[in-house]
Every structure is written in C-alpha cells, then in structure tokens.
C-alpha cells in the first residue's frame, strides 16, 4: 500500500449477494476523483473488483476476463456551457 497519494473517499452499498461462486453486486459512489480509487477501496476491504488488473486476487482474476466496473451515471461541468 502506498502512503504518498492524495486522500480519497468513497461510499458503497451492497445491492445483491450472489453465491456459487461468492460475489456481490455493489454500488460505489466516489466522493473524490482519484485515479483507481474505487478499485483500491474495494481491494483494501478485502474484495477485489472482478477482472481488475491492478488490485486483484487470484480468484477475482479467474472470475472475469475484463474489468467488471461500470458507470451508471456520469456528471461533469461542460467546458462551454458549464
């Protein structure tokens, strides 16, 4: 774990718990905009996001061929219209 990065915070809620193999559908909300913060926060709680190439466990890599992290909403200030 690196201690040189900037502070980041996220909230999350478990939407659904699945079995065989054990996994969960989780809704993350980043409160700060740091690179990889959702992946790192999930990993630091002992639960890697499936398919994550940076913060993973052996089992999380075997369960997905790609990163299973998807946005449900995106918000930003448009550079021309605000």
PDB file of N, CA and C in Angstrom:
ATOM      1  N   UNK A   1       0.848  -1.174   0.000  1.00  0.00           N
ATOM      2  CA  UNK A   1       0.000   0.000   0.000  1.00  0.00           C
ATOM      3  C   UNK A   1       0.893   1.235   0.000  1.00  0.00           C
ATOM      4  N   UNK A   2       0.576   2.199  -0.841  1.00  0.00           N
ATOM      5  CA  UNK A   2       1.353   3.432  -0.925  1.00  0.00           C
ATOM      6  C   UNK A   2       0.745   4.488  -0.018  1.00  0.00           C
ATOM      7  N   UNK A   3       1.587   5.224   0.651  1.00  0.00           N
ATOM      8  CA  UNK A   3       1.119   6.287   1.538  1.00  0.00           C
ATOM      9  C   UNK A   3       1.468   7.656   0.990  1.00  0.00           C
ATOM     10  N   UNK A   4       1.811   7.741  -0.288  1.00  0.00           N
ATOM     11  CA  UNK A   4       2.214   9.008  -0.870  1.00  0.00           C
ATOM     12  C   UNK A   4       1.112   9.653  -1.698  1.00  0.00           C
ATOM     13  N   UNK A   5      -0.008   8.978  -1.898  1.00  0.00           N
ATOM     14  CA  UNK A   5      -1.088   9.508  -2.716  1.00  0.00           C
ATOM     15  C   UNK A   5      -1.940  10.516  -1.967  1.00  0.00           C
ATOM     16  N   UNK A   6      -2.852  11.134  -2.688  1.00  0.00           N
ATOM     17  CA  UNK A   6      -3.780  12.097  -2.098  1.00  0.00           C
ATOM     18  C   UNK A   6      -4.961  11.366  -1.477  1.00  0.00           C
ATOM     19  N   UNK A   7      -5.597  12.025  -0.537  1.00  0.00           N
ATOM     20  CA  UNK A   7      -6.748  11.426   0.148  1.00  0.00           C
ATOM     21  C   UNK A   7      -7.895  11.205  -0.838  1.00  0.00           C
ATOM     22  N   UNK A   8      -8.618  10.109  -0.634  1.00  0.00           N
ATOM     23  CA  UNK A   8      -9.773   9.784  -1.475  1.00  0.00           C
ATOM     24  C   UNK A   8     -10.830   9.149  -0.587  1.00  0.00           C
ATOM     25  N   UNK A   9     -12.094   9.406  -0.889  1.00  0.00           N
ATOM     26  CA  UNK A   9     -13.166   8.773  -0.125  1.00  0.00           C
ATOM     27  C   UNK A   9     -14.268   8.319  -1.068  1.00  0.00           C
ATOM     28  N   UNK A  10     -14.916   7.231  -0.667  1.00  0.00           N
ATOM     29  CA  UNK A  10     -15.987   6.622  -1.447  1.00  0.00           C
ATOM     30  C   UNK A  10     -17.033   6.084  -0.484  1.00  0.00           C
ATOM     31  N   UNK A  11     -18.250   5.966  -0.966  1.00  0.00           N
ATOM     32  CA  UNK A  11     -19.277   5.245  -0.224  1.00  0.00           C
ATOM     33  C   UNK A  11     -19.691   4.055  -1.076  1.00  0.00           C
ATOM     34  N   UNK A  12     -20.303   3.073  -0.437  1.00  0.00           N
ATOM     35  CA  UNK A  12     -20.756   1.915  -1.193  1.00  0.00           C
ATOM     36  C   UNK A  12     -21.947   1.284  -0.495  1.00  0.00           C
ATOM     37  N   UNK A  13     -22.725   0.542  -1.264  1.00  0.00           N
ATOM     38  CA  UNK A  13     -23.798  -0.268  -0.696  1.00  0.00           C
ATOM     39  C   UNK A  13     -23.891  -1.561  -1.497  1.00  0.00           C
ATOM     40  N   UNK A  14     -24.137  -2.644  -0.790  1.00  0.00           N
ATOM     41  CA  UNK A  14     -24.293  -3.949  -1.422  1.00  0.00           C
ATOM     42  C   UNK A  14     -25.721  -4.045  -1.943  1.00  0.00           C
ATOM     43  N   UNK A  15     -25.871  -4.222  -3.250  1.00  0.00           N
ATOM     44  CA  UNK A  15     -27.180  -4.311  -3.870  1.00  0.00           C
ATOM     45  C   UNK A  15     -27.698  -5.742  -3.921  1.00  0.00           C
ATOM     46  N   UNK A  16     -26.778  -6.698  -4.078  1.00  0.00           N
ATOM     47  CA  UNK A  16     -27.183  -8.099  -4.185  1.00  0.00           C
ATOM     48  C   UNK A  16     -26.005  -8.992  -3.834  1.00  0.00           C
ATOM     49  N   UNK A  17     -26.254 -10.024  -3.039  1.00  0.00           N
ATOM     50  CA  UNK A  17     -25.237 -11.018  -2.711  1.00  0.00           C
ATOM     51  C   UNK A  17     -25.523 -12.267  -3.532  1.00  0.00           C
ATOM     52  N   UNK A  18     -24.510 -12.743  -4.230  1.00  0.00           N
ATOM     53  CA  UNK A  18     -24.640 -13.903  -5.104  1.00  0.00           C
ATOM     54  C   UNK A  18     -23.788 -15.045  -4.552  1.00  0.00           C
ATOM     55  N   UNK A  19     -24.150 -16.276  -4.904  1.00  0.00           N
ATOM     56  CA  UNK A  19     -23.383 -17.424  -4.431  1.00  0.00           C
ATOM     57  C   UNK A  19     -22.935 -18.271  -5.616  1.00  0.00           C
ATOM     58  N   UNK A  20     -22.024 -19.167  -5.336  1.00  0.00           N
ATOM     59  CA  UNK A  20     -21.518 -20.165  -6.297  1.00  0.00           C
ATOM     60  C   UNK A  20     -21.056 -19.577  -7.618  1.00  0.00           C
ATOM     61  N   UNK A  21     -19.947 -18.905  -7.717  1.00  0.00           N
ATOM     62  CA  UNK A  21     -19.019 -18.552  -6.645  1.00  0.00           C
ATOM     63  C   UNK A  21     -19.492 -17.290  -5.909  1.00  0.00           C
ATOM     64  N   UNK A  22     -19.008 -17.121  -4.691  1.00  0.00           N
ATOM     65  CA  UNK A  22     -19.410 -15.997  -3.854  1.00  0.00           C
ATOM     66  C   UNK A  22     -18.959 -14.674  -4.473  1.00  0.00           C
ATOM     67  N   UNK A  23     -19.914 -13.790  -4.701  1.00  0.00           N
ATOM     68  CA  UNK A  23     -19.621 -12.446  -5.206  1.00  0.00           C
ATOM     69  C   UNK A  23     -20.815 -11.559  -4.889  1.00  0.00           C
ATOM     70  N   UNK A  24     -20.664 -10.241  -5.050  1.00  0.00           N
ATOM     71  CA  UNK A  24     -21.736  -9.298  -4.733  1.00  0.00           C
ATOM     72  C   UNK A  24     -21.807  -8.213  -5.798  1.00  0.00           C
ATOM     73  N   UNK A  25     -22.996  -7.700  -5.984  1.00  0.00           N
ATOM     74  CA  UNK A  25     -23.200  -6.527  -6.831  1.00  0.00           C
ATOM     75  C   UNK A  25     -23.188  -5.325  -5.898  1.00  0.00           C
ATOM     76  N   UNK A  26     -22.259  -4.408  -6.129  1.00  0.00           N
ATOM     77  CA  UNK A  26     -22.035  -3.296  -5.218  1.00  0.00           C
ATOM     78  C   UNK A  26     -22.155  -1.984  -5.987  1.00  0.00           C
ATOM     79  N   UNK A  27     -22.793  -0.998  -5.345  1.00  0.00           N
ATOM     80  CA  UNK A  27     -22.851   0.346  -5.922  1.00  0.00           C
ATOM     81  C   UNK A  27     -21.862   1.222  -5.158  1.00  0.00           C
ATOM     82  N   UNK A  28     -20.838   1.676  -5.866  1.00  0.00           N
ATOM     83  CA  UNK A  28     -19.854   2.594  -5.303  1.00  0.00           C
ATOM     84  C   UNK A  28     -20.179   4.015  -5.727  1.00  0.00           C
ATOM     85  N   UNK A  29     -19.907   4.959  -4.846  1.00  0.00           N
ATOM     86  CA  UNK A  29     -20.028   6.377  -5.182  1.00  0.00           C
ATOM     87  C   UNK A  29     -18.734   7.063  -4.767  1.00  0.00           C
ATOM     88  N   UNK A  30     -17.925   7.472  -5.742  1.00  0.00           N
ATOM     89  CA  UNK A  30     -16.684   8.173  -5.388  1.00  0.00           C
ATOM     90  C   UNK A  30     -17.011   9.590  -4.935  1.00  0.00           C
ATOM     91  N   UNK A  31     -16.486   9.993  -3.784  1.00  0.00           N
ATOM     92  CA  UNK A  31     -16.706  11.340  -3.273  1.00  0.00           C
ATOM     93  C   UNK A  31     -15.569  12.270  -3.668  1.00  0.00           C
ATOM     94  N   UNK A  32     -14.477  11.691  -4.095  1.00  0.00           N
ATOM     95  CA  UNK A  32     -13.345  12.443  -4.631  1.00  0.00           C
ATOM     96  C   UNK A  32     -12.977  11.785  -5.952  1.00  0.00           C
ATOM     97  N   UNK A  33     -12.278  12.470  -6.778  1.00  0.00           N
ATOM     98  CA  UNK A  33     -11.994  11.946  -8.109  1.00  0.00           C
ATOM     99  C   UNK A  33     -10.575  11.479  -8.297  1.00  0.00           C
ATOM    100  N   UNK A  34     -10.172  10.483  -7.550  1.00  0.00           N
ATOM    101  CA  UNK A  34      -8.807   9.967  -7.645  1.00  0.00           C
ATOM    102  C   UNK A  34      -8.749   8.756  -8.573  1.00  0.00           C
ATOM    103  N   UNK A  35      -7.658   8.636  -9.281  1.00  0.00           N
ATOM    104  CA  UNK A  35      -7.448   7.506 -10.182  1.00  0.00           C
ATOM    105  C   UNK A  35      -7.465   6.202  -9.398  1.00  0.00           C
ATOM    106  N   UNK A  36      -8.196   5.242  -9.864  1.00  0.00           N
ATOM    107  CA  UNK A  36      -8.279   3.893  -9.293  1.00  0.00           C
ATOM    108  C   UNK A  36      -8.898   3.831  -7.899  1.00  0.00           C
ATOM    109  N   UNK A  37      -9.525   4.919  -7.415  1.00  0.00           N
ATOM    110  CA  UNK A  37      -9.958   4.910  -6.022  1.00  0.00           C
ATOM    111  C   UNK A  37     -10.992   3.829  -5.724  1.00  0.00           C
ATOM    112  N   UNK A  38     -11.923   3.566  -6.625  1.00  0.00           N
ATOM    113  CA  UNK A  38     -12.924   2.540  -6.352  1.00  0.00           C
ATOM    114  C   UNK A  38     -12.279   1.157  -6.321  1.00  0.00           C
ATOM    115  N   UNK A  39     -11.366   0.922  -7.250  1.00  0.00           N
ATOM    116  CA  UNK A  39     -10.672  -0.364  -7.277  1.00  0.00           C
ATOM    117  C   UNK A  39      -9.826  -0.553  -6.031  1.00  0.00           C
ATOM    118  N   UNK A  40      -9.125   0.495  -5.616  1.00  0.00           N
ATOM    119  CA  UNK A  40      -8.272   0.393  -4.433  1.00  0.00           C
ATOM    120  C   UNK A  40      -9.102   0.249  -3.164  1.00  0.00           C
ATOM    121  N   UNK A  41     -10.182   1.018  -3.039  1.00  0.00           N
ATOM    122  CA  UNK A  41     -11.005   0.919  -1.835  1.00  0.00           C
ATOM    123  C   UNK A  41     -11.625  -0.472  -1.707  1.00  0.00           C
ATOM    124  N   UNK A  42     -12.087  -1.034  -2.797  1.00  0.00           N
ATOM    125  CA  UNK A  42     -12.639  -2.386  -2.769  1.00  0.00           C
ATOM    126  C   UNK A  42     -11.557  -3.389  -2.359  1.00  0.00           C
ATOM    127  N   UNK A  43     -10.385  -3.277  -2.947  1.00  0.00           N
ATOM    128  CA  UNK A  43      -9.261  -4.167  -2.627  1.00  0.00           C
ATOM    129  C   UNK A  43      -8.850  -4.039  -1.164  1.00  0.00           C
ATOM    130  N   UNK A  44      -8.807  -2.818  -0.651  1.00  0.00           N
ATOM    131  CA  UNK A  44      -8.363  -2.611   0.733  1.00  0.00           C
ATOM    132  C   UNK A  44      -9.357  -3.174   1.741  1.00  0.00           C
ATOM    133  N   UNK A  45     -10.611  -3.379   1.329  1.00  0.00           N
ATOM    134  CA  UNK A  45     -11.612  -4.014   2.190  1.00  0.00           C
ATOM    135  C   UNK A  45     -11.591  -5.532   2.040  1.00  0.00           C
ATOM    136  N   UNK A  46     -10.680  -6.042   1.186  1.00  0.00           N
ATOM    137  CA  UNK A  46     -10.549  -7.478   1.007  1.00  0.00           C
ATOM    138  C   UNK A  46     -11.419  -8.064  -0.086  1.00  0.00           C
ATOM    139  N   UNK A  47     -11.960  -7.200  -0.958  1.00  0.00           N
ATOM    140  CA  UNK A  47     -12.856  -7.663  -2.022  1.00  0.00           C
ATOM    141  C   UNK A  47     -12.488  -6.984  -3.331  1.00  0.00           C
ATOM    142  N   UNK A  48     -11.696  -7.646  -4.134  1.00  0.00           N
ATOM    143  CA  UNK A  48     -11.274  -7.073  -5.413  1.00  0.00           C
ATOM    144  C   UNK A  48     -12.438  -7.006  -6.393  1.00  0.00           C
ATOM    145  N   UNK A  49     -12.460  -5.972  -7.215  1.00  0.00           N
ATOM    146  CA  UNK A  49     -13.437  -5.890  -8.300  1.00  0.00           C
ATOM    147  C   UNK A  49     -13.025  -6.917  -9.349  1.00  0.00           C
ATOM    148  N   UNK A  50     -13.979  -7.701  -9.803  1.00  0.00           N
ATOM    149  CA  UNK A  50     -13.670  -8.780 -10.738  1.00  0.00           C
ATOM    150  C   UNK A  50     -13.003  -8.235 -12.001  1.00  0.00           C
ATOM    151  N   UNK A  51     -11.934  -8.897 -12.398  1.00  0.00           N
ATOM    152  CA  UNK A  51     -11.220  -8.535 -13.615  1.00  0.00           C
ATOM    153  C   UNK A  51     -10.232  -7.399 -13.465  1.00  0.00           C
ATOM    154  N   UNK A  52     -10.069  -6.853 -12.263  1.00  0.00           N
ATOM    155  CA  UNK A  52      -9.139  -5.736 -12.064  1.00  0.00           C
ATOM    156  C   UNK A  52      -7.706  -6.232 -12.230  1.00  0.00           C
ATOM    157  N   UNK A  53      -6.959  -5.565 -13.100  1.00  0.00           N
ATOM    158  CA  UNK A  53      -5.584  -5.982 -13.364  1.00  0.00           C
ATOM    159  C   UNK A  53      -4.583  -5.398 -12.363  1.00  0.00           C
ATOM    160  N   UNK A  54      -4.954  -4.361 -11.633  1.00  0.00           N
ATOM    161  CA  UNK A  54      -4.030  -3.727 -10.694  1.00  0.00           C
ATOM    162  C   UNK A  54      -4.195  -4.215  -9.263  1.00  0.00           C
ATOM    163  N   UNK A  55      -5.422  -4.286  -8.792  1.00  0.00           N
ATOM    164  CA  UNK A  55      -5.721  -4.661  -7.415  1.00  0.00           C
ATOM    165  C   UNK A  55      -6.601  -5.903  -7.472  1.00  0.00           C
ATOM    166  N   UNK A  56      -5.976  -7.067  -7.485  1.00  0.00           N
ATOM    167  CA  UNK A  56      -6.743  -8.291  -7.684  1.00  0.00           C
ATOM    168  C   UNK A  56      -6.254  -9.410  -6.768  1.00  0.00           C
ATOM    169  N   UNK A  57      -7.075 -10.416  -6.701  1.00  0.00           N
ATOM    170  CA  UNK A  57      -6.693 -11.658  -6.040  1.00  0.00           C
ATOM    171  C   UNK A  57      -6.718 -12.741  -7.117  1.00  0.00           C
ATOM    172  N   UNK A  58      -6.207 -13.895  -6.787  1.00  0.00           N
ATOM    173  CA  UNK A  58      -6.207 -14.991  -7.756  1.00  0.00           C
ATOM    174  C   UNK A  58      -7.627 -15.331  -8.183  1.00  0.00           C
ATOM    175  N   UNK A  59      -8.538 -15.414  -7.220  1.00  0.00           N
ATOM    176  CA  UNK A  59      -9.920 -15.787  -7.552  1.00  0.00           C
ATOM    177  C   UNK A  59     -10.628 -14.707  -8.354  1.00  0.00           C
ATOM    178  N   UNK A  60     -10.365 -13.426  -8.072  1.00  0.00           N
ATOM    179  CA  UNK A  60     -11.051 -12.370  -8.830  1.00  0.00           C
ATOM    180  C   UNK A  60     -10.597 -12.342 -10.282  1.00  0.00           C
ATOM    181  N   UNK A  61      -9.359 -12.695 -10.537  1.00  0.00           N
ATOM    182  CA  UNK A  61      -8.859 -12.750 -11.906  1.00  0.00           C
ATOM    183  C   UNK A  61      -9.475 -13.911 -12.675  1.00  0.00           C
ATOM    184  N   UNK A  62      -9.744 -15.021 -11.992  1.00  0.00           N
ATOM    185  CA  UNK A  62     -10.309 -16.197 -12.647  1.00  0.00           C
ATOM    186  C   UNK A  62     -11.793 -16.030 -12.972  1.00  0.00           C
ATOM    187  N   UNK A  63     -12.487 -15.132 -12.283  1.00  0.00           N
ATOM    188  CA  UNK A  63     -13.930 -14.976 -12.456  1.00  0.00           C
ATOM    189  C   UNK A  63     -14.317 -14.022 -13.583  1.00  0.00           C
ATOM    190  N   UNK A  64     -13.363 -13.278 -14.133  1.00  0.00           N
ATOM    191  CA  UNK A  64     -13.706 -12.323 -15.189  1.00  0.00           C
ATOM    192  C   UNK A  64     -12.519 -12.098 -16.107  1.00  0.00           C
ATOM    193  N   UNK A  65     -12.800 -11.982 -17.380  1.00  0.00           N
ATOM    194  CA  UNK A  65     -11.748 -11.734 -18.379  1.00  0.00           C
ATOM    195  C   UNK A  65     -11.453 -10.254 -18.552  1.00  0.00           C
ATOM    196  N   UNK A  66     -12.351  -9.402 -18.048  1.00  0.00           N
ATOM    197  CA  UNK A  66     -12.152  -7.961 -18.165  1.00  0.00           C
ATOM    198  C   UNK A  66     -12.630  -7.299 -16.881  1.00  0.00           C
ATOM    199  N   UNK A  67     -12.302  -6.041 -16.711  1.00  0.00           N
ATOM    200  CA  UNK A  67     -12.711  -5.290 -15.523  1.00  0.00           C
ATOM    201  C   UNK A  67     -14.227  -5.139 -15.496  1.00  0.00           C
ATOM    202  N   UNK A  68     -14.852  -5.608 -14.433  1.00  0.00           N
ATOM    203  CA  UNK A  68     -16.303  -5.514 -14.291  1.00  0.00           C
ATOM    204  C   UNK A  68     -16.654  -4.325 -13.400  1.00  0.00           C
ATOM    205  N   UNK A  69     -16.295  -3.152 -13.877  1.00  0.00           N
ATOM    206  CA  UNK A  69     -16.582  -1.892 -13.204  1.00  0.00           C
ATOM    207  C   UNK A  69     -17.265  -1.003 -14.234  1.00  0.00           C
ATOM    208  N   UNK A  70     -18.525  -0.705 -14.022  1.00  0.00           N
ATOM    209  CA  UNK A  70     -19.305   0.057 -14.993  1.00  0.00           C
ATOM    210  C   UNK A  70     -19.970   1.246 -14.328  1.00  0.00           C
ATOM    211  N   UNK A  71     -20.067   2.350 -15.053  1.00  0.00           N
ATOM    212  CA  UNK A  71     -20.719   3.550 -14.535  1.00  0.00           C
ATOM    213  C   UNK A  71     -22.214   3.489 -14.808  1.00  0.00           C
ATOM    214  N   UNK A  72     -22.994   3.896 -13.820  1.00  0.00           N
ATOM    215  CA  UNK A  72     -24.437   4.006 -14.027  1.00  0.00           C
ATOM    216  C   UNK A  72     -24.817   5.444 -14.335  1.00  0.00           C
ATOM    217  N   UNK A  73     -24.032   6.382 -13.838  1.00  0.00           N
ATOM    218  CA  UNK A  73     -24.262   7.816 -14.069  1.00  0.00           C
ATOM    219  C   UNK A  73     -22.917   8.521 -14.154  1.00  0.00           C
ATOM    220  N   UNK A  74     -22.847   9.514 -15.005  1.00  0.00           N
ATOM    221  CA  UNK A  74     -21.662  10.358 -15.107  1.00  0.00           C
ATOM    222  C   UNK A  74     -22.109  11.819 -15.048  1.00  0.00           C
ATOM    223  N   UNK A  75     -21.418  12.605 -14.242  1.00  0.00           N
ATOM    224  CA  UNK A  75     -21.733  14.021 -14.113  1.00  0.00           C
ATOM    225  C   UNK A  75     -20.458  14.819 -14.285  1.00  0.00           C
ATOM    226  N   UNK A  76     -20.542  15.901 -15.032  1.00  0.00           N
ATOM    227  CA  UNK A  76     -19.394  16.774 -15.196  1.00  0.00           C
ATOM    228  C   UNK A  76     -19.876  18.149 -15.613  1.00  0.00           C
ATOM    229  N   UNK A  77     -19.036  19.154 -15.410  1.00  0.00           N
ATOM    230  CA  UNK A  77     -19.326  20.511 -15.885  1.00  0.00           C
ATOM    231  C   UNK A  77     -18.829  20.616 -17.310  1.00  0.00           C
ATOM    232  N   UNK A  78     -19.738  20.897 -18.237  1.00  0.00           N
ATOM    233  CA  UNK A  78     -19.369  21.016 -19.645  1.00  0.00           C
ATOM    234  C   UNK A  78     -18.471  22.244 -19.804  1.00  0.00           C
ATOM    235  N   UNK A  79     -17.366  22.113 -20.542  1.00  0.00           N
ATOM    236  CA  UNK A  79     -16.408  23.228 -20.643  1.00  0.00           C
ATOM    237  C   UNK A  79     -16.980  24.470 -21.329  1.00  0.00           C
ATOM    238  N   UNK A  80     -17.989  24.339 -22.179  1.00  0.00           N
ATOM    239  CA  UNK A  80     -18.551  25.510 -22.851  1.00  0.00           C
ATOM    240  C   UNK A  80     -19.822  26.031 -22.205  1.00  0.00           C
ATOM    241  N   UNK A  81     -20.665  25.133 -21.723  1.00  0.00           N
ATOM    242  CA  UNK A  81     -21.961  25.555 -21.196  1.00  0.00           C
ATOM    243  C   UNK A  81     -22.043  25.515 -19.670  1.00  0.00           C
ATOM    244  N   UNK A  82     -20.978  24.989 -19.039  1.00  0.00           N
ATOM    245  CA  UNK A  82     -20.968  24.926 -17.582  1.00  0.00           C
ATOM    246  C   UNK A  82     -21.787  23.788 -17.081  1.00  0.00           C
TER     247      UNK A  82
END
